[in-house]
Amino acid sequence: MSPCPHTPACPPPICLPSSLRTPSTPAATPEPTQPPGTSSGSHDGYETSAKYVRKFAGTMDASATGVDTVKEATPRFEGWDLVPLAGVPIVGLMFVNRFNTITDTWKDSAGILSEVLRTDSGKVSRAADNYVAAERAGTVK
């Protein structure tokens, strides 16, 4: 049996009748893919890379939300929490004070971290917007 004369070639083992073949069109050929950051004349260079940068900025913002959630859920011993410790000597109450000091330090640190993450995620997102705008304006090659 001779090879299939059709373009694209029919799958083996037989040549398909024309009613079952897909018509050959130029659009059926796959376009070559380019790595992110390169441009083929269309606007896919920095826009493609900016998509990943924006996704990273979104992850930073989501992390800030997670840090805020943990900060608010951090336990602290207050007046009514000390009822189970009523029989504990003064040494035990010093432990409670130390625990509360650690909790306060954590809450302050978590507040700073979440603020930095939110601020920097906005800066990273704006930087991606600037690169895309520069590419569209034709100033970045």
Protein backbone atom coordinates (compact mmCIF):
# COMPACT_ATOMS: atom_id res chain seq x y z
CA MET A 1 0.00 0.00 0.00
CA SER A 2 1.33 3.46 -0.88
CA PRO A 3 1.59 6.34 1.60
CA CYS A 4 -1.42 8.65 1.91
CA PRO A 5 -1.37 11.46 -0.69
CA HIS A 6 -3.50 13.78 1.44
CA THR A 7 -2.33 16.76 3.46
CA PRO A 8 -2.58 16.30 6.40
CA ALA A 9 -1.92 12.57 6.08
CA CYS A 10 -4.66 10.17 7.10
CA PRO A 11 -4.04 8.03 10.18
CA PRO A 12 -2.77 4.52 9.46
CA PRO A 13 -3.68 1.85 8.39
CA ILE A 14 -5.97 3.15 5.62
CA CYS A 15 -6.56 6.34 3.66
CA LEU A 16 -9.85 7.99 4.71
CA PRO A 17 -12.54 9.00 2.20
CA SER A 18 -12.91 12.74 1.60
CA SER A 19 -16.14 12.89 3.66
CA LEU A 20 -14.21 11.83 6.78
CA ARG A 21 -11.09 13.91 6.24
CA THR A 22 -10.76 17.32 7.83
CA PRO A 23 -10.10 20.03 5.27
CA SER A 24 -6.56 21.33 5.30
CA THR A 25 -6.47 24.95 6.31
CA PRO A 26 -3.55 27.18 7.08
CA ALA A 27 -5.02 27.86 10.54
CA ALA A 28 -4.82 24.14 11.38
CA THR A 29 -1.04 24.30 11.71
CA PRO A 30 0.06 25.08 15.25
CA GLU A 31 1.81 28.38 15.81
CA PRO A 32 5.25 28.24 17.39
CA THR A 33 5.29 29.19 21.04
CA GLN A 34 7.69 31.76 22.39
CA PRO A 35 9.13 32.00 25.86
CA PRO A 36 7.66 34.70 28.13
CA GLY A 37 9.24 38.09 27.72
CA THR A 38 9.81 37.84 23.99
CA SER A 39 7.68 39.59 21.42
CA SER A 40 6.69 38.55 17.93
CA GLY A 41 5.30 41.92 16.93
CA SER A 42 2.06 41.43 18.84
CA HIS A 43 1.55 42.51 22.43
CA ASP A 44 2.54 39.29 24.17
CA GLY A 45 6.00 40.16 25.50
CA TYR A 46 5.73 42.07 28.73
CA GLU A 47 1.99 41.47 28.90
CA THR A 48 2.62 37.75 29.21
CA SER A 49 5.32 38.28 31.83
CA ALA A 50 3.18 40.86 33.62
CA LYS A 51 0.46 38.25 34.05
CA TYR A 52 2.80 36.19 36.22
CA VAL A 53 3.97 39.28 38.11
CA ARG A 54 0.35 40.26 38.85
CA LYS A 55 -0.35 36.71 40.00
CA PHE A 56 2.61 36.97 42.39
CA ALA A 57 1.28 40.33 43.64
CA GLY A 58 -2.08 38.65 44.28
CA THR A 59 -0.31 35.92 46.24
CA MET A 60 1.43 38.57 48.34
CA ASP A 61 -1.92 40.22 49.07
CA ALA A 62 -3.49 36.87 49.98
CA SER A 63 -0.54 36.19 52.29
CA ALA A 64 -1.17 39.52 54.02
CA THR A 65 -4.77 38.46 54.60
CA GLY A 66 -3.56 35.15 56.04
CA VAL A 67 -1.13 36.91 58.38
CA ASP A 68 -3.95 39.21 59.55
CA THR A 69 -6.16 36.19 60.24
CA VAL A 70 -3.46 34.49 62.30
CA LYS A 71 -2.74 37.76 64.11
CA GLU A 72 -6.37 38.10 65.16
CA ALA A 73 -6.56 34.45 66.24
CA THR A 74 -3.49 34.67 68.48
CA PRO A 75 -4.57 33.81 72.03
CA ARG A 76 -4.00 36.15 74.94
CA PHE A 77 -4.71 35.56 78.61
CA GLU A 78 -7.14 38.15 79.92
CA GLY A 79 -9.05 38.32 83.19
CA TRP A 80 -11.63 35.60 82.60
CA ASP A 81 -9.02 33.34 80.96
CA LEU A 82 -7.15 33.21 84.28
CA VAL A 83 -9.99 31.45 86.14
CA PRO A 84 -8.54 27.96 85.49
CA LEU A 85 -5.23 29.22 86.90
CA ALA A 86 -6.78 30.37 90.22
CA GLY A 87 -4.85 27.77 92.19
CA VAL A 88 -1.56 28.46 90.40
CA PRO A 89 1.05 30.28 92.48
CA ILE A 90 2.51 33.67 91.52
CA VAL A 91 5.24 31.95 89.49
CA GLY A 92 2.54 30.65 87.15
CA LEU A 93 1.14 34.15 86.70
CA MET A 94 4.61 35.33 85.65
CA PHE A 95 4.41 32.74 82.88
CA VAL A 96 1.08 34.22 81.81
CA ASN A 97 2.66 37.67 81.68
CA ARG A 98 5.53 36.33 79.59
CA PHE A 99 3.06 34.59 77.26
CA ASN A 100 1.10 37.82 76.82
CA THR A 101 4.32 39.71 76.08
CA ILE A 102 5.16 37.20 73.35
CA THR A 103 1.62 37.48 72.01
CA ASP A 104 1.85 41.27 71.88
CA THR A 105 5.22 41.08 70.10
CA TRP A 106 3.78 38.61 67.58
CA LYS A 107 0.73 40.79 66.93
CA ASP A 108 2.92 43.86 66.36
CA SER A 109 5.24 41.92 64.04
CA ALA A 110 2.33 40.36 62.15
CA GLY A 111 0.79 43.80 61.69
CA ILE A 112 4.03 45.13 60.23
CA LEU A 113 4.41 42.07 57.98
CA SER A 114 0.86 42.27 56.62
CA GLU A 115 1.23 46.00 55.97
CA VAL A 116 4.50 45.44 54.08
CA LEU A 117 2.98 42.61 52.04
CA ARG A 118 -0.04 44.71 51.06
CA THR A 119 2.06 47.77 50.21
CA ASP A 120 4.61 45.81 48.21
CA SER A 121 1.96 43.82 46.35
CA GLY A 122 0.53 47.12 45.12
CA LYS A 123 4.00 48.27 44.07
CA VAL A 124 4.70 45.00 42.22
CA SER A 125 1.36 45.23 40.41
CA ARG A 126 2.03 48.86 39.40
CA ALA A 127 5.49 47.89 38.14
CA ALA A 128 3.90 45.25 35.88
CA ASP A 129 1.44 47.88 34.61
CA ASN A 130 4.34 50.25 33.86
CA TYR A 131 6.20 47.62 31.82
CA VAL A 132 3.08 46.81 29.79
CA ALA A 133 2.38 50.50 29.19
CA ALA A 134 5.99 51.06 28.11
CA GLU A 135 5.81 48.16 25.68
CA ARG A 136 2.55 49.42 24.22
CA ALA A 137 4.08 52.86 23.80
CA GLY A 138 7.02 51.26 22.01
CA THR A 139 9.68 52.49 24.41
CA VAL A 140 10.86 49.03 25.52
CA LYS A 141 12.52 46.71 23.03
